[in-house]
Amino acid sequence: MTYLDLAVVALAVVVVLHGAGVVVARRRGTLPRHFAAAVAVTVLVLCVLTVVFDSLMVMSDLFRFDEDRLTGVILWRAPLEDLAWPLAAGLLLPALRVALAPRPTDASPAPTDRQLQEHA
């Protein structure tokens, strides 16, 4: 199994879970208005940070990749396949957060017993 094969399988699972989380959040009323934009910015920042820090770690010889299992597409010194993990985190974690968020409550306070008796 190549790094790309593993990344594709993991991302397929994450995309399904992300979609389910968004559907649940929309039904519960917990999906923020600019959710997609926030997720896109998050994924972009995570990917840039991954390229920078993975490249620095490769240059420092902290780890090496099996060249036979890579696609050969390199961004600075980081293999393309490494971007699957920040993409997965950037999709999955926000979707879980909005899906599991408490339902919004009415902004007005609940009526007291005395107020209910006065209206009766």
Protein backbone atom coordinates (compact mmCIF):
# COMPACT_ATOMS: atom_id res chain seq x y z
CA MET A 1 0.00 0.00 0.00
CA THR A 2 1.38 3.40 -0.93
CA TYR A 3 1.07 6.59 1.10
CA LEU A 4 -1.44 7.84 -1.47
CA ASP A 5 -3.61 4.71 -1.09
CA LEU A 6 -3.73 5.21 2.67
CA ALA A 7 -4.51 8.91 2.28
CA VAL A 8 -7.36 8.25 -0.19
CA VAL A 9 -8.99 5.71 2.13
CA ALA A 10 -8.67 8.00 5.15
CA LEU A 11 -10.00 11.02 3.25
CA ALA A 12 -12.96 9.06 1.89
CA VAL A 13 -14.01 8.20 5.44
CA VAL A 14 -13.45 11.79 6.59
CA VAL A 15 -15.48 13.28 3.73
CA VAL A 16 -18.44 11.03 4.59
CA LEU A 17 -18.19 11.95 8.28
CA HIS A 18 -17.85 15.65 7.42
CA GLY A 19 -20.99 15.51 5.28
CA ALA A 20 -22.91 13.71 7.99
CA GLY A 21 -21.76 16.23 10.58
CA VAL A 22 -22.88 19.16 8.45
CA VAL A 23 -26.29 17.58 7.83
CA VAL A 24 -26.79 16.93 11.55
CA ALA A 25 -25.69 20.45 12.47
CA ARG A 26 -28.00 22.00 9.86
CA ARG A 27 -30.99 20.03 11.20
CA ARG A 28 -30.18 20.92 14.82
CA GLY A 29 -29.63 24.59 14.00
CA THR A 30 -26.00 24.57 15.15
CA LEU A 31 -24.34 25.17 11.77
CA PRO A 32 -22.63 28.60 11.77
CA ARG A 33 -23.40 30.94 8.90
CA HIS A 34 -19.90 31.01 7.40
CA PHE A 35 -18.94 27.44 8.24
CA ALA A 36 -17.64 26.50 4.78
CA ALA A 37 -15.41 29.59 4.56
CA ALA A 38 -14.02 28.96 8.04
CA VAL A 39 -13.26 25.34 7.17
CA ALA A 40 -11.57 26.37 3.90
CA VAL A 41 -9.35 28.92 5.64
CA THR A 42 -8.50 26.40 8.36
CA VAL A 43 -7.54 23.73 5.82
CA LEU A 44 -5.43 26.22 3.84
CA VAL A 45 -3.52 27.36 6.93
CA LEU A 46 -2.98 23.78 8.12
CA CYS A 47 -1.68 22.73 4.71
CA VAL A 48 0.75 25.66 4.50
CA LEU A 49 2.02 24.92 8.00
CA THR A 50 2.38 21.24 7.12
CA VAL A 51 4.46 22.00 4.03
CA VAL A 52 6.71 24.36 5.96
CA PHE A 53 7.28 22.21 9.02
CA ASP A 54 7.45 18.87 7.19
CA SER A 55 10.02 20.38 4.86
CA LEU A 56 12.07 21.63 7.80
CA MET A 57 11.91 18.21 9.44
CA VAL A 58 12.96 16.47 6.21
CA MET A 59 15.81 18.96 5.76
CA SER A 60 16.89 18.31 9.36
CA ASP A 61 16.86 14.57 8.59
CA LEU A 62 14.39 13.87 11.40
CA PHE A 63 12.60 11.39 9.15
CA ARG A 64 12.63 10.02 5.63
CA PHE A 65 9.99 8.69 3.29
CA ASP A 66 10.21 5.49 1.29
CA GLU A 67 10.65 6.97 -2.18
CA ASP A 68 9.06 3.92 -3.83
CA ARG A 69 5.76 4.56 -2.05
CA LEU A 70 5.47 8.27 -2.93
CA THR A 71 3.80 9.81 -5.98
CA GLY A 72 6.85 11.94 -6.60
CA VAL A 73 5.02 15.25 -6.22
CA ILE A 74 7.01 17.29 -3.72
CA LEU A 75 6.05 20.68 -2.26
CA TRP A 76 9.29 22.25 -1.14
CA ARG A 77 10.57 19.10 0.62
CA ALA A 78 7.26 17.63 1.78
CA PRO A 79 5.50 14.93 -0.25
CA LEU A 80 2.01 15.72 -1.52
CA GLU A 81 0.59 12.77 0.40
CA ASP A 82 1.36 14.49 3.70
CA LEU A 83 -1.33 17.08 3.01
CA ALA A 84 -4.02 14.43 3.50
CA TRP A 85 -3.69 14.63 7.28
CA PRO A 86 -4.21 18.37 7.77
CA LEU A 87 -7.03 18.16 5.21
CA ALA A 88 -8.63 15.36 7.22
CA ALA A 89 -8.27 17.25 10.49
CA GLY A 90 -9.56 20.49 8.97
CA LEU A 91 -12.67 18.76 7.63
CA LEU A 92 -13.47 16.34 10.43
CA LEU A 93 -12.94 18.31 13.62
CA PRO A 94 -15.08 21.38 12.78
CA ALA A 95 -17.88 19.13 11.50
CA LEU A 96 -17.83 17.13 14.71
CA ARG A 97 -17.84 20.34 16.74
CA VAL A 98 -20.94 21.77 15.09
CA ALA A 99 -22.74 18.41 15.02
CA LEU A 100 -22.19 17.89 18.75
CA ALA A 101 -22.82 21.50 19.81
CA PRO A 102 -25.71 22.09 22.20
CA ARG A 103 -28.91 23.19 20.53
CA PRO A 104 -29.54 26.93 20.64
CA THR A 105 -32.08 28.06 23.20
CA ASP A 106 -34.58 30.89 23.05
CA ALA A 107 -32.94 34.16 24.12
CA SER A 108 -35.89 35.15 26.31
CA PRO A 109 -35.95 33.77 29.85
CA ALA A 110 -38.52 31.18 30.78
CA PRO A 111 -41.61 32.62 32.46
CA THR A 112 -41.83 32.30 36.23
CA ASP A 113 -44.74 30.55 37.96
CA ARG A 114 -46.10 33.93 39.08
CA GLN A 115 -46.13 35.28 35.49
CA LEU A 116 -47.94 32.14 34.31
CA GLN A 117 -50.59 32.55 37.06
CA GLU A 118 -51.12 36.21 36.17
CA HIS A 119 -51.93 35.29 32.55
CA ALA A 120 -54.31 32.51 33.52
